[in-house]
């Protein structure tokens, strides 16, 4: 099951929740203030992972510097 990140609309607490794909968090409550229905947020881990894959970098294996 994937782990999703949520933010409480009442107290601002950010927390993780393991849920099945397709669940929307309507059954969740904030672990700090017990407020219902937190907002799902875009995980920083997901965004940095995607950028790291597409950024490339590194050297060319065939360029050894010997001519």
PDB file of N, CA and C in Angstrom:
ATOM      1  N   UNK A   1       0.839  -1.189   0.000  1.00  0.00           N
ATOM      2  CA  UNK A   1       0.000   0.000   0.000  1.00  0.00           C
ATOM      3  C   UNK A   1       0.882   1.249   0.000  1.00  0.00           C
ATOM      4  N   UNK A   2       0.521   2.226  -0.812  1.00  0.00           N
ATOM      5  CA  UNK A   2       1.292   3.474  -0.854  1.00  0.00           C
ATOM      6  C   UNK A   2       1.077   4.331   0.392  1.00  0.00           C
ATOM      7  N   UNK A   3       2.043   5.177   0.657  1.00  0.00           N
ATOM      8  CA  UNK A   3       1.969   6.117   1.772  1.00  0.00           C
ATOM      9  C   UNK A   3       1.689   7.499   1.198  1.00  0.00           C
ATOM     10  N   UNK A   4       0.651   8.139   1.709  1.00  0.00           N
ATOM     11  CA  UNK A   4       0.270   9.470   1.262  1.00  0.00           C
ATOM     12  C   UNK A   4       0.503  10.468   2.384  1.00  0.00           C
ATOM     13  N   UNK A   5       0.724  11.717   1.998  1.00  0.00           N
ATOM     14  CA  UNK A   5       0.957  12.783   2.964  1.00  0.00           C
ATOM     15  C   UNK A   5      -0.288  13.662   3.039  1.00  0.00           C
ATOM     16  N   UNK A   6      -0.673  14.010   4.258  1.00  0.00           N
ATOM     17  CA  UNK A   6      -1.867  14.824   4.496  1.00  0.00           C
ATOM     18  C   UNK A   6      -1.527  16.001   5.402  1.00  0.00           C
ATOM     19  N   UNK A   7      -2.324  17.068   5.271  1.00  0.00           N
ATOM     20  CA  UNK A   7      -2.176  18.241   6.119  1.00  0.00           C
ATOM     21  C   UNK A   7      -3.541  18.589   6.710  1.00  0.00           C
ATOM     22  N   UNK A   8      -3.567  18.778   8.020  1.00  0.00           N
ATOM     23  CA  UNK A   8      -4.801  19.127   8.714  1.00  0.00           C
ATOM     24  C   UNK A   8      -5.182  20.568   8.395  1.00  0.00           C
ATOM     25  N   UNK A   9      -6.432  20.773   8.018  1.00  0.00           N
ATOM     26  CA  UNK A   9      -6.920  22.118   7.733  1.00  0.00           C
ATOM     27  C   UNK A   9      -7.160  22.950   8.985  1.00  0.00           C
ATOM     28  N   UNK A  10      -7.260  22.287  10.129  1.00  0.00           N
ATOM     29  CA  UNK A  10      -7.532  23.002  11.379  1.00  0.00           C
ATOM     30  C   UNK A  10      -6.244  23.437  12.076  1.00  0.00           C
ATOM     31  N   UNK A  11      -5.318  22.495  12.311  1.00  0.00           N
ATOM     32  CA  UNK A  11      -4.106  22.828  13.078  1.00  0.00           C
ATOM     33  C   UNK A  11      -2.837  22.901  12.226  1.00  0.00           C
ATOM     34  N   UNK A  12      -2.907  22.465  10.951  1.00  0.00           N
ATOM     35  CA  UNK A  12      -1.749  22.545  10.059  1.00  0.00           C
ATOM     36  C   UNK A  12      -0.759  21.399  10.189  1.00  0.00           C
ATOM     37  N   UNK A  13      -1.055  20.407  11.030  1.00  0.00           N
ATOM     38  CA  UNK A  13      -0.159  19.270  11.220  1.00  0.00           C
ATOM     39  C   UNK A  13      -0.059  18.455   9.928  1.00  0.00           C
ATOM     40  N   UNK A  14       1.169  18.089   9.535  1.00  0.00           N
ATOM     41  CA  UNK A  14       1.413  17.259   8.364  1.00  0.00           C
ATOM     42  C   UNK A  14       1.749  15.853   8.843  1.00  0.00           C
ATOM     43  N   UNK A  15       1.095  14.843   8.250  1.00  0.00           N
ATOM     44  CA  UNK A  15       1.318  13.463   8.662  1.00  0.00           C
ATOM     45  C   UNK A  15       1.159  12.520   7.473  1.00  0.00           C
ATOM     46  N   UNK A  16       1.682  11.316   7.631  1.00  0.00           N
ATOM     47  CA  UNK A  16       1.610  10.281   6.605  1.00  0.00           C
ATOM     48  C   UNK A  16       0.521   9.283   6.947  1.00  0.00           C
ATOM     49  N   UNK A  17      -0.079   8.700   5.901  1.00  0.00           N
ATOM     50  CA  UNK A  17      -1.085   7.661   6.098  1.00  0.00           C
ATOM     51  C   UNK A  17      -0.923   6.606   5.008  1.00  0.00           C
ATOM     52  N   UNK A  18      -0.884   5.338   5.408  1.00  0.00           N
ATOM     53  CA  UNK A  18      -0.810   4.249   4.452  1.00  0.00           C
ATOM     54  C   UNK A  18      -2.240   3.907   4.042  1.00  0.00           C
ATOM     55  N   UNK A  19      -2.503   3.994   2.732  1.00  0.00           N
ATOM     56  CA  UNK A  19      -3.856   3.771   2.222  1.00  0.00           C
ATOM     57  C   UNK A  19      -3.808   2.984   0.931  1.00  0.00           C
ATOM     58  N   UNK A  20      -4.927   2.407   0.592  1.00  0.00           N
ATOM     59  CA  UNK A  20      -5.054   1.728  -0.687  1.00  0.00           C
ATOM     60  C   UNK A  20      -5.154   2.765  -1.797  1.00  0.00           C
ATOM     61  N   UNK A  21      -4.725   2.380  -2.978  1.00  0.00           N
ATOM     62  CA  UNK A  21      -4.817   3.274  -4.135  1.00  0.00           C
ATOM     63  C   UNK A  21      -6.289   3.603  -4.381  1.00  0.00           C
ATOM     64  N   UNK A  22      -6.586   4.864  -4.559  1.00  0.00           N
ATOM     65  CA  UNK A  22      -7.950   5.310  -4.810  1.00  0.00           C
ATOM     66  C   UNK A  22      -8.664   5.851  -3.581  1.00  0.00           C
ATOM     67  N   UNK A  23      -8.151   5.573  -2.381  1.00  0.00           N
ATOM     68  CA  UNK A  23      -8.769   6.136  -1.181  1.00  0.00           C
ATOM     69  C   UNK A  23      -8.454   7.627  -1.130  1.00  0.00           C
ATOM     70  N   UNK A  24      -9.406   8.408  -0.628  1.00  0.00           N
ATOM     71  CA  UNK A  24      -9.241   9.858  -0.676  1.00  0.00           C
ATOM     72  C   UNK A  24      -9.033  10.520   0.682  1.00  0.00           C
ATOM     73  N   UNK A  25      -8.988   9.775   1.753  1.00  0.00           N
ATOM     74  CA  UNK A  25      -8.722  10.361   3.057  1.00  0.00           C
ATOM     75  C   UNK A  25      -9.938  10.851   3.803  1.00  0.00           C
ATOM     76  N   UNK A  26     -11.130  10.612   3.261  1.00  0.00           N
ATOM     77  CA  UNK A  26     -12.345  11.067   3.943  1.00  0.00           C
ATOM     78  C   UNK A  26     -12.557  10.348   5.272  1.00  0.00           C
ATOM     79  N   UNK A  27     -11.941   9.192   5.437  1.00  0.00           N
ATOM     80  CA  UNK A  27     -12.085   8.442   6.683  1.00  0.00           C
ATOM     81  C   UNK A  27     -10.984   8.756   7.690  1.00  0.00           C
ATOM     82  N   UNK A  28     -10.057   9.663   7.347  1.00  0.00           N
ATOM     83  CA  UNK A  28      -8.934   9.986   8.228  1.00  0.00           C
ATOM     84  C   UNK A  28      -9.264  11.123   9.184  1.00  0.00           C
ATOM     85  N   UNK A  29      -8.546  11.137  10.292  1.00  0.00           N
ATOM     86  CA  UNK A  29      -8.609  12.244  11.248  1.00  0.00           C
ATOM     87  C   UNK A  29      -7.186  12.646  11.594  1.00  0.00           C
ATOM     88  N   UNK A  30      -6.992  13.909  11.886  1.00  0.00           N
ATOM     89  CA  UNK A  30      -5.682  14.420  12.276  1.00  0.00           C
ATOM     90  C   UNK A  30      -5.251  13.756  13.591  1.00  0.00           C
ATOM     91  N   UNK A  31      -4.034  13.217  13.649  1.00  0.00           N
ATOM     92  CA  UNK A  31      -3.579  12.589  14.893  1.00  0.00           C
ATOM     93  C   UNK A  31      -3.285  13.590  16.013  1.00  0.00           C
ATOM     94  N   UNK A  32      -3.184  14.869  15.701  1.00  0.00           N
ATOM     95  CA  UNK A  32      -2.897  15.887  16.720  1.00  0.00           C
ATOM     96  C   UNK A  32      -4.175  16.472  17.333  1.00  0.00           C
ATOM     97  N   UNK A  33      -5.116  16.896  16.485  1.00  0.00           N
ATOM     98  CA  UNK A  33      -6.313  17.576  17.005  1.00  0.00           C
ATOM     99  C   UNK A  33      -7.604  16.809  16.747  1.00  0.00           C
ATOM    100  N   UNK A  34      -7.513  15.684  16.038  1.00  0.00           N
ATOM    101  CA  UNK A  34      -8.644  14.806  15.757  1.00  0.00           C
ATOM    102  C   UNK A  34      -9.666  15.420  14.791  1.00  0.00           C
ATOM    103  N   UNK A  35      -9.266  16.432  14.035  1.00  0.00           N
ATOM    104  CA  UNK A  35     -10.164  17.040  13.048  1.00  0.00           C
ATOM    105  C   UNK A  35     -10.343  16.081  11.868  1.00  0.00           C
ATOM    106  N   UNK A  36     -11.557  15.983  11.325  1.00  0.00           N
ATOM    107  CA  UNK A  36     -11.811  15.073  10.197  1.00  0.00           C
ATOM    108  C   UNK A  36     -11.362  15.647   8.860  1.00  0.00           C
ATOM    109  N   UNK A  37     -11.194  14.762   7.899  1.00  0.00           N
ATOM    110  CA  UNK A  37     -10.950  15.077   6.483  1.00  0.00           C
ATOM    111  C   UNK A  37      -9.757  15.996   6.220  1.00  0.00           C
ATOM    112  N   UNK A  38      -8.549  15.539   6.473  1.00  0.00           N
ATOM    113  CA  UNK A  38      -7.373  16.349   6.144  1.00  0.00           C
ATOM    114  C   UNK A  38      -7.196  16.451   4.622  1.00  0.00           C
ATOM    115  N   UNK A  39      -6.387  17.395   4.187  1.00  0.00           N
ATOM    116  CA  UNK A  39      -6.132  17.608   2.765  1.00  0.00           C
ATOM    117  C   UNK A  39      -4.921  16.797   2.333  1.00  0.00           C
ATOM    118  N   UNK A  40      -5.046  16.082   1.206  1.00  0.00           N
ATOM    119  CA  UNK A  40      -3.910  15.343   0.651  1.00  0.00           C
ATOM    120  C   UNK A  40      -2.966  16.354   0.023  1.00  0.00           C
ATOM    121  N   UNK A  41      -1.681  16.236   0.302  1.00  0.00           N
ATOM    122  CA  UNK A  41      -0.701  17.170  -0.255  1.00  0.00           C
ATOM    123  C   UNK A  41       0.288  16.415  -1.117  1.00  0.00           C
ATOM    124  N   UNK A  42       0.938  17.131  -2.007  1.00  0.00           N
ATOM    125  CA  UNK A  42       1.950  16.558  -2.884  1.00  0.00           C
ATOM    126  C   UNK A  42       3.221  16.337  -2.078  1.00  0.00           C
ATOM    127  N   UNK A  43       3.684  15.124  -2.021  1.00  0.00           N
ATOM    128  CA  UNK A  43       4.851  14.772  -1.217  1.00  0.00           C
ATOM    129  C   UNK A  43       6.126  15.333  -1.818  1.00  0.00           C
ATOM    130  N   UNK A  44       6.967  15.923  -0.989  1.00  0.00           N
ATOM    131  CA  UNK A  44       8.257  16.441  -1.441  1.00  0.00           C
ATOM    132  C   UNK A  44       9.143  15.309  -1.916  1.00  0.00           C
ATOM    133  N   UNK A  45       9.019  14.140  -1.315  1.00  0.00           N
ATOM    134  CA  UNK A  45       9.805  12.974  -1.725  1.00  0.00           C
ATOM    135  C   UNK A  45       9.483  12.597  -3.159  1.00  0.00           C
ATOM    136  N   UNK A  46       8.215  12.597  -3.526  1.00  0.00           N
ATOM    137  CA  UNK A  46       7.817  12.256  -4.881  1.00  0.00           C
ATOM    138  C   UNK A  46       8.344  13.258  -5.893  1.00  0.00           C
ATOM    139  N   UNK A  47       8.266  14.542  -5.572  1.00  0.00           N
ATOM    140  CA  UNK A  47       8.703  15.546  -6.528  1.00  0.00           C
ATOM    141  C   UNK A  47      10.209  15.538  -6.700  1.00  0.00           C
ATOM    142  N   UNK A  48      10.971  15.330  -5.631  1.00  0.00           N
ATOM    143  CA  UNK A  48      12.423  15.324  -5.766  1.00  0.00           C
ATOM    144  C   UNK A  48      12.891  14.061  -6.446  1.00  0.00           C
ATOM    145  N   UNK A  49      12.192  12.954  -6.255  1.00  0.00           N
ATOM    146  CA  UNK A  49      12.559  11.699  -6.908  1.00  0.00           C
ATOM    147  C   UNK A  49      12.375  11.790  -8.409  1.00  0.00           C
ATOM    148  N   UNK A  50      11.279  12.413  -8.829  1.00  0.00           N
ATOM    149  CA  UNK A  50      11.014  12.546 -10.258  1.00  0.00           C
ATOM    150  C   UNK A  50      12.041  13.469 -10.905  1.00  0.00           C
ATOM    151  N   UNK A  51      12.417  14.537 -10.231  1.00  0.00           N
ATOM    152  CA  UNK A  51      13.402  15.464 -10.782  1.00  0.00           C
ATOM    153  C   UNK A  51      14.764  14.806 -10.866  1.00  0.00           C
ATOM    154  N   UNK A  52      15.092  13.977  -9.890  1.00  0.00           N
ATOM    155  CA  UNK A  52      16.394  13.314  -9.879  1.00  0.00           C
ATOM    156  C   UNK A  52      16.552  12.338 -11.021  1.00  0.00           C
ATOM    157  N   UNK A  53      15.457  11.702 -11.426  1.00  0.00           N
ATOM    158  CA  UNK A  53      15.516  10.732 -12.503  1.00  0.00           C
ATOM    159  C   UNK A  53      15.727  11.426 -13.831  1.00  0.00           C
ATOM    160  N   UNK A  54      15.078  12.558 -14.045  1.00  0.00           N
ATOM    161  CA  UNK A  54      15.128  13.207 -15.340  1.00  0.00           C
ATOM    162  C   UNK A  54      16.286  14.193 -15.491  1.00  0.00           C
ATOM    163  N   UNK A  55      17.029  14.451 -14.411  1.00  0.00           N
ATOM    164  CA  UNK A  55      18.051  15.476 -14.490  1.00  0.00           C
ATOM    165  C   UNK A  55      19.326  15.017 -15.188  1.00  0.00           C
ATOM    166  N   UNK A  56      19.529  13.712 -15.350  1.00  0.00           N
ATOM    167  CA  UNK A  56      20.723  13.223 -16.042  1.00  0.00           C
ATOM    168  C   UNK A  56      21.964  13.474 -15.234  1.00  0.00           C
ATOM    169  N   UNK A  57      22.967  14.017 -15.863  1.00  0.00           N
ATOM    170  CA  UNK A  57      24.211  14.303 -15.159  1.00  0.00           C
ATOM    171  C   UNK A  57      25.219  13.198 -15.357  1.00  0.00           C
ATOM    172  N   UNK A  58      26.384  13.377 -14.791  1.00  0.00           N
ATOM    173  CA  UNK A  58      27.426  12.369 -14.924  1.00  0.00           C
ATOM    174  C   UNK A  58      28.216  12.566 -16.194  1.00  0.00           C
ATOM    175  N   UNK A  59      29.258  11.848 -16.320  1.00  0.00           N
ATOM    176  CA  UNK A  59      30.129  11.994 -17.488  1.00  0.00           C
ATOM    177  C   UNK A  59      29.846  10.954 -18.540  1.00  0.00           C
ATOM    178  N   UNK A  60      30.465  11.120 -19.655  1.00  0.00           N
ATOM    179  CA  UNK A  60      30.338  10.182 -20.762  1.00  0.00           C
ATOM    180  C   UNK A  60      31.412   9.120 -20.583  1.00  0.00           C
ATOM    181  N   UNK A  61      31.041   7.871 -20.658  1.00  0.00           N
ATOM    182  CA  UNK A  61      31.991   6.764 -20.425  1.00  0.00           C
ATOM    183  C   UNK A  61      33.071   6.716 -21.494  1.00  0.00           C
ATOM    184  N   UNK A  62      32.775   7.231 -22.686  1.00  0.00           N
ATOM    185  CA  UNK A  62      33.760   7.140 -23.751  1.00  0.00           C
ATOM    186  C   UNK A  62      34.750   8.299 -23.751  1.00  0.00           C
ATOM    187  N   UNK A  63      34.546   9.304 -22.928  1.00  0.00           N
ATOM    188  CA  UNK A  63      35.463  10.439 -22.925  1.00  0.00           C
ATOM    189  C   UNK A  63      36.484  10.251 -21.799  1.00  0.00           C
ATOM    190  N   UNK A  64      37.579   9.557 -22.099  1.00  0.00           N
ATOM    191  CA  UNK A  64      38.574   9.249 -21.071  1.00  0.00           C
ATOM    192  C   UNK A  64      39.636  10.336 -20.956  1.00  0.00           C
ATOM    193  N   UNK A  65      39.660  11.253 -21.909  1.00  0.00           N
ATOM    194  CA  UNK A  65      40.654  12.323 -21.855  1.00  0.00           C
ATOM    195  C   UNK A  65      41.942  11.972 -22.601  1.00  0.00           C
ATOM    196  N   UNK A  66      42.011  10.748 -23.127  1.00  0.00           N
ATOM    197  CA  UNK A  66      43.197  10.352 -23.900  1.00  0.00           C
ATOM    198  C   UNK A  66      42.865  10.497 -25.385  1.00  0.00           C
ATOM    199  N   UNK A  67      43.716  11.117 -26.124  1.00  0.00           N
ATOM    200  CA  UNK A  67      43.376  11.415 -27.483  1.00  0.00           C
ATOM    201  C   UNK A  67      44.114  10.720 -28.486  1.00  0.00           C
TER     202      UNK A  67
END
